[in-house]
Amino acid sequence: MFSNNLLYEIKLLTRSKWLLILLVSIAMLFAFATFNGKKNVDKRLNDITVVKKELQKRDSVLVETLKVFEAGKKPDMPYWQKPNEPMTVGYQYPRLAIMKPQELSFLATGQSDMYTHFKSPKVYGNNFALDYSEMVNPVQLLFGNFDLAFVIIYILPLLIITFTYNILSKEKELGTLKLLGAQPIAIMSWLLQKLAIRYVIITLLTWIIVLLTMLLFSVNALAQVTNLIGLFLIIAAYVLFWFVAAFIVNVKINNSSKNALALIGVWLLLVMVIPATINQIGSALYPTPSRLKMINEIRLIKKENEEKQNEIMNDYLRTHPELAQNNDEQRFGFWHNYFASEKVMEEKTKPLLNDYDIQLKKQQHLISTFKYISPAILMQQALNNISGTSEKHYNDYKKQVFEFSVRWRNYLVPMLFKNEKFTLEDYSSMPQFNYENRIKNEVWFNFIALTLISLLLFFVLGSKHLKDKSAKNLFL
């Protein structure tokens, strides 16, 4: 009987012109979404290439000028522009801290339209918490980005609904349901077989379309075998959820027009209403402190430190005796006072920055807590993790940049206090930034969670309809 159902479903689907138009449209949407996502990634890569070229130009000037100094000549330039001064190098020739997009970053824009992918930490100023965002189009922020994640999360369920909303009620309305009841198979078994066949067809078609679009626009992504397997599994789990929803609506309502309205209502609730509501609740319960107020308080702290420079300098040299060499003959200037007060500044501003980070973490924790009530949130987080564009990735990138800025300063500050000059040898041994993706993928966890949620709904809301005797109500 299963083979007959399979052949019948294949003939039914292949003869449907409406279905063919729908599939072609979906394939075009997938292709355009992949193209659009790849275009965004290419723009990021082009921006990174531009800043790399600018760094190379600055470095070539730095090296040539250092050669002149080491040849015993004295170029005619102001003191603050001389590259043999360590603070000039630290401020005018900073290293690049680049977060290169991952191979699958085109899947989901995530937070990449809100945060920058490169920073140049200087020896002066390290408050990256205040300047990591980028200026973006407000209309784009309102409607989101048309990427592959958008098509999978928002549009694919609508395709599934068109495939399944009347899979049982149509037989009843055409008068063929009683004929099916006379066949040597329970109606519920027939329905499950029919849904299983369509589930396999939709899942396979989605996988094929995704692979084809990758072949067209991002062949290198196919080398990410583990991530691709995770992507296909999470898509299969997401499709399964919507087929389970269609099964429950079909057996409980069993009216084509009402089925369609109910499934569209479920789609609106789970894909749009719940995620937006959770986001608003998080912002209301855990509002982030005013950035303007934070900046003003930081300025007041700086002013207070300036009034206590001598006291701060003495404390700094006591805690860093290795930098107090020839202190009696050493003249303290702006940079000496700045680095002496930096630690004090860091300690005083730490509570302000912590308050900001704590509120953001609470918002993210709230979303993580309630993500299980919406498969769209689970799916979005899974795709962001695979793409390397999640909030966690950018927070970790910011942390890595801060760690690198500490290394950069620790490399140059001792030269300042010891009155050493910056040389070509120092240039060749300068610390370099290498971004490392330290965030766990968690796609397997999301896959298991989505599958368990689907099975739980199936057995809790649909299991009582699986018995043959309950099928009598379907004829009414």
Foldseek 3Di string as FASTA:
>chain_A
DLVVLLVVLVVVQVPDPVNVVVLVVLLVLQLVQLVQLLVVLVVLVVVVVVVVVVLVVVVVVLAVLQVCVVVVDDDPDDPLCRSQALLSCQAVRFFKFFQRWDLLLSQFVACVQFFHGIDGQGLPDQPVVQPGTDDDDVVCVVVDGSHNLCCLLQVLLVSLCVVQLQLPLVCLVVVNVVVVPPDPDFPLVSSVSNLVSVLVVSLVSVLVSNVVSCVVRRVVSVVVPVLSVLVSLLSSLVSLLSSLVSLLLCLPPSHRVVSSVVSVVVSCVQRPVVVVVLLVVLCVVQPADDSVVLVVVLVVVVVVLVVCQVVLLVVQCVVVVVLCPVVVPDDDDDVSSCVSCVVVSCVVSVVVVVSRVVSVVSSVVSCVVPVLVHLSSLSNLLSCLSRLNHPVSVVVSSVQVSVVSVLQNVLRVSCVSVVGTHHPVSVVVHDHHDDDRPDDNCSVVSSVSSNVSSVVCCCVSPVVCSDSVNCVVSND
